[in-house]
Each structure stands twice: as structure tokens, then as C-alpha cells.
Amino acid sequence: MKKLLRVIFYIPKLLLRFIWNLIWAIFKLALILAIVGYGLIYYANNSSSTLATNINRAFRQVELGFSGTNTSDVEKVVSNLSTTDTIPESNGARWAQNTASIYIQSTDETLVAAYKEAITNWNKTGAFIFTLTDDASTADIVATDYSDANSQAAGLADSQTNILTNRITHVDVKL
């Protein structure tokens, strides 16, 4: 009789153990995914790398999916965005490479000398390489003169940034 009861209770016991192990495995997997997700969100919000930008964009797409926003509405908004725009501050934007070409449009010899000295000094750091060019239309940076009695600025820079990639596409520097 004891053996019969063992056999009868063995199957439910085995089934309960299987269910418990399955629930525990799902819990551990959810915990690991939550930790990895938190790590990715933290990295995406605290780094300016291309990978972080792409991760941030993916999380925004997931948020849009959960918020119930109609995909066609999102597509309309994105299609109306310009890929380049002037923004008031850099917001972590940077050049796609650590090089840029400069066209010096200034005719003032003092300013031309100042631009060239600044280029030489930056190039000596090795952090970024500027090259002079003779063609303003292909230059990444155009350096010009600026005179405004109402401004107290010694210099201004108007930058254009690709909003989707957060990369600087063109800068007009004015001294």
C-alpha cells in the first residue's frame, strides 16, 4: 500500500517540482533582463557614442509602441524632420571624424593670422586635425569676420547638426 501511495503522489510531486523550477527560471531571466535593460538605459543616457544614440533611439521606439501612438503618426513626424538644422547649443554633438577642413574667408590679416595660429595649436594637440582648403563650398568650417556694435561677443559660431546622427555637418566661425 505504501508503494502504491508513493507512485500516486510521485507524479503530482514531479509536476509541482517542474512548475516551481519553471517559475523560478522565468523569475531569474526577468531579473537578468531588468538588470541588463537598466544598464543599457544608463549607458544610453550618459554617453555620447553612436552606440548610445542608437540604443536611446531603440528605447524611444519601444516606448512609442507601448504608449499606443499610431505608427503612421510617428512616420509623418519623422518624415517632416530636416536632417540638418541649426540648434542653439551642441547637445553633445560632434564631428563624425576627428578632422575638419577650414576655409578662411577673412581678409583682415590680423584675423587670418589668428585663425592660422589657432589651427596650428589645435593640430599640435593631436586631438583634432584641421586642414586648410581653398574651396569654401567643400569646407566643413568657414572662418569669417564679424562686426556688430550691439554684440559683446569676441566670436560666434553657427553650427549645423544632423539631428538624427547628432553629428556636426558645418560651422561658420566669426571673429
N, C-alpha and C. Protein backbone atom coordinates (compact mmCIF):
# COMPACT_ATOMS: atom_id res chain seq x y z
N MET A 1 0.81 -1.18 0.00
CA MET A 1 0.00 0.00 0.00
C MET A 1 0.86 1.27 0.00
N LYS A 2 1.95 1.22 0.78
CA LYS A 2 2.86 2.37 0.83
C LYS A 2 3.44 2.65 -0.56
N LYS A 3 3.81 1.62 -1.25
CA LYS A 3 4.39 1.79 -2.59
C LYS A 3 3.36 2.38 -3.54
N LEU A 4 2.15 1.98 -3.42
CA LEU A 4 1.09 2.49 -4.28
C LEU A 4 0.88 3.99 -4.03
N LEU A 5 0.88 4.39 -2.75
CA LEU A 5 0.73 5.80 -2.43
C LEU A 5 1.92 6.62 -2.93
N ARG A 6 3.11 6.06 -2.81
CA ARG A 6 4.30 6.75 -3.33
C ARG A 6 4.18 6.97 -4.84
N VAL A 7 3.76 5.97 -5.55
CA VAL A 7 3.62 6.08 -7.00
C VAL A 7 2.53 7.10 -7.34
N ILE A 8 1.43 7.09 -6.61
CA ILE A 8 0.33 8.01 -6.89
C ILE A 8 0.76 9.46 -6.63
N PHE A 9 1.50 9.71 -5.53
CA PHE A 9 1.93 11.06 -5.20
C PHE A 9 3.22 11.48 -5.92
N TYR A 10 3.92 10.53 -6.53
CA TYR A 10 5.16 10.85 -7.23
C TYR A 10 4.89 11.74 -8.45
N ILE A 11 3.85 11.44 -9.21
CA ILE A 11 3.54 12.20 -10.42
C ILE A 11 3.15 13.64 -10.08
N PRO A 12 2.24 13.92 -9.13
CA PRO A 12 1.94 15.31 -8.78
C PRO A 12 3.16 16.03 -8.20
N LYS A 13 3.95 15.31 -7.39
CA LYS A 13 5.16 15.91 -6.82
C LYS A 13 6.13 16.31 -7.93
N LEU A 14 6.29 15.44 -8.90
CA LEU A 14 7.15 15.72 -10.05
C LEU A 14 6.61 16.91 -10.85
N LEU A 15 5.29 16.96 -11.03
CA LEU A 15 4.66 18.04 -11.76
C LEU A 15 4.82 19.38 -11.01
N LEU A 16 4.64 19.38 -9.70
CA LEU A 16 4.84 20.59 -8.91
C LEU A 16 6.29 21.05 -8.94
N ARG A 17 7.23 20.14 -8.87
CA ARG A 17 8.64 20.50 -8.93
C ARG A 17 8.96 21.14 -10.28
N PHE A 18 8.41 20.56 -11.37
CA PHE A 18 8.62 21.12 -12.71
C PHE A 18 8.06 22.54 -12.80
N ILE A 19 6.84 22.74 -12.30
CA ILE A 19 6.22 24.06 -12.35
C ILE A 19 7.02 25.06 -11.51
N TRP A 20 7.46 24.66 -10.32
CA TRP A 20 8.25 25.54 -9.46
C TRP A 20 9.57 25.93 -10.15
N ASN A 21 10.26 24.95 -10.74
CA ASN A 21 11.52 25.24 -11.44
C ASN A 21 11.29 26.16 -12.63
N LEU A 22 10.17 26.00 -13.33
CA LEU A 22 9.85 26.85 -14.47
C LEU A 22 9.59 28.29 -13.99
N ILE A 23 8.82 28.45 -12.93
CA ILE A 23 8.54 29.79 -12.40
C ILE A 23 9.84 30.44 -11.92
N TRP A 24 10.68 29.70 -11.22
CA TRP A 24 11.94 30.24 -10.72
C TRP A 24 12.86 30.65 -11.88
N ALA A 25 12.91 29.85 -12.93
CA ALA A 25 13.74 30.18 -14.10
C ALA A 25 13.24 31.45 -14.79
N ILE A 26 11.92 31.59 -14.90
CA ILE A 26 11.35 32.80 -15.52
C ILE A 26 11.67 34.02 -14.67
N PHE A 27 11.58 33.90 -13.35
CA PHE A 27 11.92 35.00 -12.45
C PHE A 27 13.38 35.41 -12.60
N LYS A 28 14.29 34.43 -12.64
CA LYS A 28 15.72 34.75 -12.80
C LYS A 28 15.98 35.42 -14.14
N LEU A 29 15.34 34.93 -15.19
CA LEU A 29 15.51 35.53 -16.52
C LEU A 29 15.00 36.97 -16.52
N ALA A 30 13.84 37.22 -15.92
CA ALA A 30 13.29 38.57 -15.85
C ALA A 30 14.22 39.49 -15.07
N LEU A 31 14.80 38.99 -13.98
CA LEU A 31 15.72 39.78 -13.18
C LEU A 31 16.98 40.14 -13.98
N ILE A 32 17.53 39.19 -14.71
CA ILE A 32 18.73 39.44 -15.52
C ILE A 32 18.41 40.43 -16.64
N LEU A 33 17.25 40.27 -17.29
CA LEU A 33 16.87 41.20 -18.35
C LEU A 33 16.64 42.61 -17.79
N ALA A 34 16.09 42.72 -16.60
CA ALA A 34 15.89 44.04 -15.99
C ALA A 34 17.22 44.69 -15.68
N ILE A 35 18.18 43.93 -15.18
CA ILE A 35 19.50 44.49 -14.88
C ILE A 35 20.20 44.93 -16.16
N VAL A 36 20.15 44.11 -17.19
CA VAL A 36 20.78 44.47 -18.48
C VAL A 36 20.08 45.70 -19.08
N GLY A 37 18.74 45.74 -19.03
CA GLY A 37 18.00 46.88 -19.55
C GLY A 37 18.35 48.16 -18.82
N TYR A 38 18.43 48.09 -17.49
CA TYR A 38 18.80 49.27 -16.71
C TYR A 38 20.22 49.73 -17.09
N GLY A 39 21.13 48.78 -17.25
CA GLY A 39 22.50 49.12 -17.64
C GLY A 39 22.54 49.81 -19.01
N LEU A 40 21.76 49.31 -19.96
CA LEU A 40 21.71 49.92 -21.29
C LEU A 40 21.11 51.32 -21.24
N ILE A 41 20.06 51.49 -20.46
CA ILE A 41 19.44 52.82 -20.34
C ILE A 41 20.43 53.79 -19.70
N TYR A 42 21.12 53.35 -18.66
CA TYR A 42 22.10 54.21 -18.00
C TYR A 42 23.21 54.61 -18.99
N TYR A 43 23.72 53.63 -19.75
CA TYR A 43 24.77 53.90 -20.74
C TYR A 43 24.26 54.86 -21.82
N ALA A 44 23.04 54.62 -22.31
CA ALA A 44 22.49 55.45 -23.38
C ALA A 44 22.29 56.89 -22.94
N ASN A 45 21.96 57.10 -21.67
CA ASN A 45 21.72 58.46 -21.17
C ASN A 45 22.98 59.16 -20.71
N ASN A 46 24.09 58.45 -20.55
CA ASN A 46 25.30 59.06 -20.02
C ASN A 46 26.50 58.95 -20.95
N SER A 47 26.26 58.65 -22.21
CA SER A 47 27.35 58.56 -23.18
C SER A 47 26.90 59.25 -24.46
N SER A 48 27.86 59.75 -25.21
CA SER A 48 27.52 60.41 -26.47
C SER A 48 28.01 59.59 -27.67
N SER A 49 28.27 58.31 -27.47
CA SER A 49 28.75 57.47 -28.57
C SER A 49 27.61 57.14 -29.52
N THR A 50 27.97 56.67 -30.69
CA THR A 50 26.97 56.27 -31.69
C THR A 50 26.13 55.12 -31.16
N LEU A 51 26.77 54.17 -30.49
CA LEU A 51 26.03 53.04 -29.92
C LEU A 51 24.99 53.53 -28.92
N ALA A 52 25.37 54.47 -28.05
CA ALA A 52 24.43 55.00 -27.06
C ALA A 52 23.27 55.71 -27.74
N THR A 53 23.55 56.44 -28.80
CA THR A 53 22.49 57.12 -29.55
C THR A 53 21.52 56.12 -30.16
N ASN A 54 22.06 55.05 -30.72
CA ASN A 54 21.20 54.01 -31.31
C ASN A 54 20.38 53.30 -30.25
N ILE A 55 20.98 53.02 -29.10
CA ILE A 55 20.24 52.38 -28.00
C ILE A 55 19.12 53.29 -27.54
N ASN A 56 19.41 54.57 -27.38
CA ASN A 56 18.40 55.53 -26.97
C ASN A 56 17.25 55.59 -27.97
N ARG A 57 17.59 55.59 -29.25
CA ARG A 57 16.58 55.62 -30.31
C ARG A 57 15.71 54.36 -30.24
N ALA A 58 16.32 53.20 -30.00
CA ALA A 58 15.57 51.95 -29.92
C ALA A 58 14.61 51.97 -28.72
N PHE A 59 15.08 52.48 -27.57
CA PHE A 59 14.21 52.57 -26.41
C PHE A 59 13.04 53.52 -26.67
N ARG A 60 13.29 54.62 -27.40
CA ARG A 60 12.21 55.53 -27.73
C ARG A 60 11.18 54.85 -28.62
N GLN A 61 11.64 54.04 -29.56
CA GLN A 61 10.71 53.32 -30.43
C GLN A 61 9.87 52.33 -29.63
N VAL A 62 10.49 51.66 -28.65
CA VAL A 62 9.75 50.74 -27.80
C VAL A 62 8.72 51.51 -26.97
N GLU A 63 9.12 52.65 -26.44
CA GLU A 63 8.19 53.48 -25.67
C GLU A 63 7.01 53.91 -26.53
N LEU A 64 7.27 54.29 -27.77
CA LEU A 64 6.18 54.69 -28.66
C LEU A 64 5.23 53.52 -28.91
N GLY A 65 5.79 52.33 -29.02
CA GLY A 65 4.96 51.14 -29.22
C GLY A 65 4.07 50.87 -28.03
N PHE A 66 4.57 51.04 -26.82
CA PHE A 66 3.78 50.79 -25.62
C PHE A 66 2.81 51.92 -25.31
N SER A 67 3.11 53.13 -25.77
CA SER A 67 2.25 54.26 -25.44
C SER A 67 1.01 54.30 -26.32
N GLY A 68 0.97 53.46 -27.33
CA GLY A 68 -0.22 53.40 -28.18
C GLY A 68 -0.22 54.44 -29.28
N THR A 69 0.90 55.12 -29.50
CA THR A 69 0.98 56.11 -30.56
C THR A 69 0.89 55.39 -31.90
N ASN A 70 0.11 55.91 -32.76
CA ASN A 70 -0.07 55.32 -34.08
C ASN A 70 1.23 55.44 -34.86
N THR A 71 1.69 54.33 -35.43
CA THR A 71 2.95 54.31 -36.17
C THR A 71 2.93 55.27 -37.35
N SER A 72 1.78 55.41 -38.01
CA SER A 72 1.71 56.32 -39.16
C SER A 72 1.89 57.77 -38.71
N ASP A 73 1.41 58.11 -37.49
CA ASP A 73 1.62 59.45 -36.97
C ASP A 73 3.11 59.72 -36.74
N VAL A 74 3.79 58.73 -36.19
CA VAL A 74 5.23 58.86 -35.94
C VAL A 74 5.97 59.01 -37.26
N GLU A 75 5.59 58.21 -38.26
CA GLU A 75 6.24 58.29 -39.57
C GLU A 75 6.04 59.68 -40.20
N LYS A 76 4.86 60.28 -40.01
CA LYS A 76 4.61 61.61 -40.55
C LYS A 76 5.52 62.64 -39.89
N VAL A 77 5.66 62.54 -38.57
CA VAL A 77 6.51 63.48 -37.84
C VAL A 77 7.96 63.32 -38.28
N VAL A 78 8.44 62.08 -38.37
CA VAL A 78 9.83 61.83 -38.75
C VAL A 78 10.09 62.27 -40.19
N SER A 79 9.13 62.03 -41.08
CA SER A 79 9.35 62.43 -42.47
C SER A 79 9.42 63.94 -42.63
N ASN A 80 8.82 64.69 -41.72
CA ASN A 80 8.87 66.15 -41.79
C ASN A 80 10.11 66.74 -41.15
N LEU A 81 10.91 65.91 -40.48
CA LEU A 81 12.13 66.41 -39.85
C LEU A 81 13.19 66.70 -40.90
N SER A 82 13.93 67.74 -40.68
CA SER A 82 15.07 68.04 -41.53
C SER A 82 16.26 67.28 -40.98
N THR A 83 17.12 66.79 -41.85
CA THR A 83 18.29 66.07 -41.36
C THR A 83 19.36 67.01 -40.85
N THR A 84 19.30 68.25 -41.25
CA THR A 84 20.24 69.24 -40.71
C THR A 84 19.43 70.41 -40.22
N ASP A 85 19.86 70.97 -39.12
CA ASP A 85 19.15 72.09 -38.54
C ASP A 85 20.13 72.85 -37.67
N THR A 86 19.85 74.10 -37.46
CA THR A 86 20.67 74.91 -36.56
C THR A 86 20.07 74.79 -35.17
N ILE A 87 20.88 74.42 -34.21
CA ILE A 87 20.40 74.27 -32.85
C ILE A 87 21.16 75.25 -31.96
N PRO A 88 20.55 75.72 -30.87
CA PRO A 88 21.18 76.76 -30.06
C PRO A 88 22.40 76.30 -29.29
N GLU A 89 22.54 75.04 -29.02
CA GLU A 89 23.72 74.53 -28.31
C GLU A 89 24.07 73.17 -28.86
N SER A 90 25.24 72.66 -28.52
CA SER A 90 25.72 71.45 -29.15
C SER A 90 25.00 70.19 -28.72
N ASN A 91 24.49 70.12 -27.51
CA ASN A 91 23.80 68.93 -27.01
C ASN A 91 24.62 67.66 -27.21
N GLY A 92 25.93 67.76 -27.06
CA GLY A 92 26.78 66.59 -27.21
C GLY A 92 27.12 66.28 -28.66
N ALA A 93 26.74 67.13 -29.59
CA ALA A 93 27.04 66.88 -31.00
C ALA A 93 28.54 66.96 -31.22
N ARG A 94 29.00 66.20 -32.19
CA ARG A 94 30.43 66.22 -32.52
C ARG A 94 30.59 65.87 -33.99
N TRP A 95 31.81 66.03 -34.48
CA TRP A 95 32.11 65.70 -35.86
C TRP A 95 32.11 64.18 -36.03
N ALA A 96 31.82 63.71 -37.21
CA ALA A 96 31.83 62.28 -37.48
C ALA A 96 33.24 61.71 -37.36
N GLN A 97 34.25 62.53 -37.68
CA GLN A 97 35.65 62.13 -37.57
C GLN A 97 36.38 63.22 -36.80
N ASN A 98 37.60 62.94 -36.43
CA ASN A 98 38.36 63.96 -35.69
C ASN A 98 39.17 64.84 -36.63
N THR A 99 38.59 65.13 -37.81
CA THR A 99 39.21 66.04 -38.78
C THR A 99 38.14 66.94 -39.37
N ALA A 100 38.56 68.14 -39.78
CA ALA A 100 37.65 69.06 -40.46
C ALA A 100 38.48 69.99 -41.35
N SER A 101 37.90 70.37 -42.48
CA SER A 101 38.58 71.30 -43.37
C SER A 101 38.06 72.71 -43.11
N ILE A 102 38.97 73.69 -43.22
CA ILE A 102 38.63 75.08 -42.91
C ILE A 102 38.97 75.97 -44.11
N TYR A 103 38.02 76.82 -44.44
CA TYR A 103 38.26 77.86 -45.45
C TYR A 103 38.26 79.19 -44.71
N ILE A 104 39.35 79.93 -44.82
CA ILE A 104 39.45 81.25 -44.16
C ILE A 104 39.00 82.30 -45.16
N GLN A 105 37.81 82.85 -44.90
CA GLN A 105 37.21 83.84 -45.80
C GLN A 105 37.58 85.26 -45.41
N SER A 106 38.16 85.43 -44.26
CA SER A 106 38.52 86.76 -43.76
C SER A 106 39.61 87.40 -44.63
N THR A 107 39.52 88.73 -44.77
CA THR A 107 40.55 89.47 -45.50
C THR A 107 41.42 90.27 -44.53
N ASP A 108 41.03 90.32 -43.28
CA ASP A 108 41.79 91.04 -42.25
C ASP A 108 43.01 90.19 -41.88
N GLU A 109 44.21 90.72 -42.14
CA GLU A 109 45.44 89.96 -41.90
C GLU A 109 45.60 89.53 -40.45
N THR A 110 45.17 90.36 -39.51
CA THR A 110 45.27 90.01 -38.09
C THR A 110 44.41 88.80 -37.78
N LEU A 111 43.17 88.79 -38.31
CA LEU A 111 42.28 87.66 -38.07
C LEU A 111 42.76 86.40 -38.80
N VAL A 112 43.28 86.57 -40.01
CA VAL A 112 43.81 85.41 -40.75
C VAL A 112 44.96 84.79 -39.95
N ALA A 113 45.84 85.64 -39.42
CA ALA A 113 46.96 85.14 -38.61
C ALA A 113 46.45 84.45 -37.35
N ALA A 114 45.40 85.01 -36.71
CA ALA A 114 44.82 84.40 -35.51
C ALA A 114 44.21 83.03 -35.84
N TYR A 115 43.48 82.95 -36.93
CA TYR A 115 42.89 81.66 -37.36
C TYR A 115 43.99 80.62 -37.59
N LYS A 116 45.02 81.01 -38.33
CA LYS A 116 46.10 80.07 -38.64
C LYS A 116 46.84 79.62 -37.39
N GLU A 117 47.06 80.54 -36.47
CA GLU A 117 47.74 80.19 -35.22
C GLU A 117 46.87 79.22 -34.40
N ALA A 118 45.57 79.48 -34.36
CA ALA A 118 44.66 78.59 -33.64
C ALA A 118 44.65 77.20 -34.26
N ILE A 119 44.65 77.13 -35.58
CA ILE A 119 44.68 75.84 -36.29
C ILE A 119 45.96 75.09 -35.95
N THR A 120 47.08 75.77 -36.00
CA THR A 120 48.37 75.15 -35.68
C THR A 120 48.38 74.62 -34.25
N ASN A 121 47.90 75.42 -33.31
CA ASN A 121 47.88 75.00 -31.91
C ASN A 121 46.97 73.79 -31.69
N TRP A 122 45.80 73.78 -32.31
CA TRP A 122 44.91 72.62 -32.18
C TRP A 122 45.54 71.38 -32.79
N ASN A 123 46.16 71.52 -33.95
CA ASN A 123 46.77 70.37 -34.62
C ASN A 123 47.90 69.79 -33.78
N LYS A 124 48.60 70.62 -33.02
CA LYS A 124 49.69 70.14 -32.16
C LYS A 124 49.18 69.23 -31.06
N THR A 125 47.93 69.40 -30.63
CA THR A 125 47.38 68.55 -29.56
C THR A 125 47.16 67.13 -30.05
N GLY A 126 46.90 66.96 -31.33
CA GLY A 126 46.63 65.64 -31.88
C GLY A 126 45.21 65.16 -31.62
N ALA A 127 44.43 65.92 -30.85
CA ALA A 127 43.06 65.52 -30.54
C ALA A 127 42.13 65.73 -31.73
N PHE A 128 42.44 66.73 -32.55
CA PHE A 128 41.62 67.05 -33.70
C PHE A 128 42.53 67.67 -34.74
N ILE A 129 42.33 67.33 -36.00
CA ILE A 129 43.19 67.83 -37.08
C ILE A 129 42.36 68.71 -38.02
N PHE A 130 42.82 69.97 -38.15
CA PHE A 130 42.21 70.92 -39.07
C PHE A 130 43.10 71.04 -40.30
N THR A 131 42.50 71.07 -41.47
CA THR A 131 43.25 71.28 -42.71
C THR A 131 42.67 72.49 -43.43
N LEU A 132 43.56 73.31 -43.97
CA LEU A 132 43.13 74.49 -44.73
C LEU A 132 42.71 74.07 -46.13
N THR A 133 41.69 74.71 -46.66
CA THR A 133 41.23 74.43 -48.01
C THR A 133 41.01 75.75 -48.74
N ASP A 134 41.06 75.72 -50.06
CA ASP A 134 40.86 76.92 -50.87
C ASP A 134 39.44 77.00 -51.44
N ASP A 135 38.59 76.04 -51.10
CA ASP A 135 37.24 75.98 -51.66
C ASP A 135 36.22 76.08 -50.52
N ALA A 136 35.51 77.20 -50.45
CA ALA A 136 34.53 77.42 -49.38
C ALA A 136 33.36 76.44 -49.48
N SER A 137 33.01 76.02 -50.68
CA SER A 137 31.85 75.14 -50.84
C SER A 137 32.08 73.73 -50.30
N THR A 138 33.33 73.31 -50.22
CA THR A 138 33.61 71.97 -49.69
C THR A 138 34.13 71.99 -48.26
N ALA A 139 34.31 73.19 -47.70
CA ALA A 139 34.87 73.30 -46.36
C ALA A 139 33.84 72.91 -45.29
N ASP A 140 34.33 72.24 -44.25
CA ASP A 140 33.49 71.91 -43.11
C ASP A 140 33.27 73.15 -42.24
N ILE A 141 34.28 74.02 -42.21
CA ILE A 141 34.23 75.24 -41.39
C ILE A 141 34.61 76.42 -42.27
N VAL A 142 33.82 77.49 -42.20
CA VAL A 142 34.14 78.72 -42.91
C VAL A 142 34.41 79.78 -41.85
N ALA A 143 35.62 80.34 -41.86
CA ALA A 143 36.04 81.34 -40.88
C ALA A 143 35.94 82.72 -41.51
N THR A 144 35.14 83.60 -40.90
CA THR A 144 34.89 84.93 -41.47
C THR A 144 35.07 86.01 -40.41
N ASP A 145 34.85 87.26 -40.86
CA ASP A 145 34.86 88.42 -39.96
C ASP A 145 33.45 88.65 -39.45
N TYR A 146 33.36 89.38 -38.34
CA TYR A 146 32.04 89.68 -37.78
C TYR A 146 32.14 91.03 -37.08
N SER A 147 31.22 91.89 -37.39
CA SER A 147 31.22 93.21 -36.74
C SER A 147 29.79 93.58 -36.41
N ASP A 148 29.52 93.69 -35.11
CA ASP A 148 28.19 94.07 -34.65
C ASP A 148 28.36 94.90 -33.38
N ALA A 149 28.03 96.18 -33.45
CA ALA A 149 28.21 97.07 -32.32
C ALA A 149 27.33 96.68 -31.13
N ASN A 150 26.24 95.98 -31.39
CA ASN A 150 25.32 95.59 -30.32
C ASN A 150 25.77 94.31 -29.60
N SER A 151 26.73 93.60 -30.16
CA SER A 151 27.18 92.35 -29.56
C SER A 151 28.46 92.57 -28.76
N GLN A 152 28.55 91.91 -27.62
CA GLN A 152 29.77 91.98 -26.82
C GLN A 152 30.62 90.73 -27.02
N ALA A 153 30.23 89.90 -27.95
CA ALA A 153 30.95 88.64 -28.20
C ALA A 153 32.22 88.90 -28.99
N ALA A 154 33.29 88.22 -28.60
CA ALA A 154 34.54 88.30 -29.35
C ALA A 154 34.48 87.38 -30.56
N GLY A 155 33.60 86.41 -30.52
CA GLY A 155 33.45 85.48 -31.63
C GLY A 155 32.15 84.72 -31.52
N LEU A 156 31.67 84.24 -32.66
CA LEU A 156 30.44 83.46 -32.72
C LEU A 156 30.67 82.25 -33.60
N ALA A 157 29.92 81.20 -33.34
CA ALA A 157 29.96 80.02 -34.19
C ALA A 157 28.54 79.55 -34.44
N ASP A 158 28.15 79.50 -35.69
CA ASP A 158 26.84 78.97 -36.08
C ASP A 158 27.07 77.57 -36.62
N SER A 159 26.57 76.58 -35.91
CA SER A 159 26.80 75.20 -36.34
C SER A 159 25.52 74.57 -36.84
N GLN A 160 25.69 73.69 -37.79
CA GLN A 160 24.58 72.89 -38.32
C GLN A 160 24.86 71.45 -37.93
N THR A 161 23.83 70.81 -37.38
CA THR A 161 23.98 69.45 -36.88
C THR A 161 22.93 68.55 -37.49
N ASN A 162 23.32 67.36 -37.86
CA ASN A 162 22.37 66.35 -38.31
C ASN A 162 21.68 65.83 -37.07
N ILE A 163 20.40 66.10 -36.92
CA ILE A 163 19.65 65.76 -35.71
C ILE A 163 19.57 64.25 -35.52
N LEU A 164 19.46 63.51 -36.58
CA LEU A 164 19.30 62.06 -36.46
C LEU A 164 20.57 61.37 -35.99
N THR A 165 21.74 61.87 -36.42
CA THR A 165 23.01 61.23 -36.04
C THR A 165 23.75 62.00 -34.96
N ASN A 166 23.29 63.21 -34.65
CA ASN A 166 23.94 64.10 -33.68
C ASN A 166 25.38 64.42 -34.08
N ARG A 167 25.60 64.57 -35.38
CA ARG A 167 26.91 64.90 -35.93
C ARG A 167 26.89 66.30 -36.52
N ILE A 168 27.95 67.06 -36.27
CA ILE A 168 28.08 68.40 -36.83
C ILE A 168 28.38 68.26 -38.32
N THR A 169 27.67 69.04 -39.14
CA THR A 169 27.88 68.96 -40.59
C THR A 169 28.57 70.19 -41.15
N HIS A 170 28.41 71.35 -40.49
CA HIS A 170 29.03 72.57 -40.99
C HIS A 170 29.05 73.61 -39.87
N VAL A 171 30.09 74.45 -39.88
CA VAL A 171 30.19 75.53 -38.88
C VAL A 171 30.68 76.79 -39.58
N ASP A 172 30.03 77.92 -39.24
CA ASP A 172 30.51 79.24 -39.66
C ASP A 172 31.06 79.91 -38.41
N VAL A 173 32.38 80.19 -38.43
CA VAL A 173 33.04 80.83 -37.29
C VAL A 173 33.25 82.29 -37.65
N LYS A 174 32.91 83.18 -36.68
CA LYS A 174 33.01 84.61 -36.94
C LYS A 174 33.78 85.27 -35.79
N LEU A 175 34.87 85.96 -36.13
CA LEU A 175 35.63 86.73 -35.13
C LEU A 175 35.44 88.20 -35.38
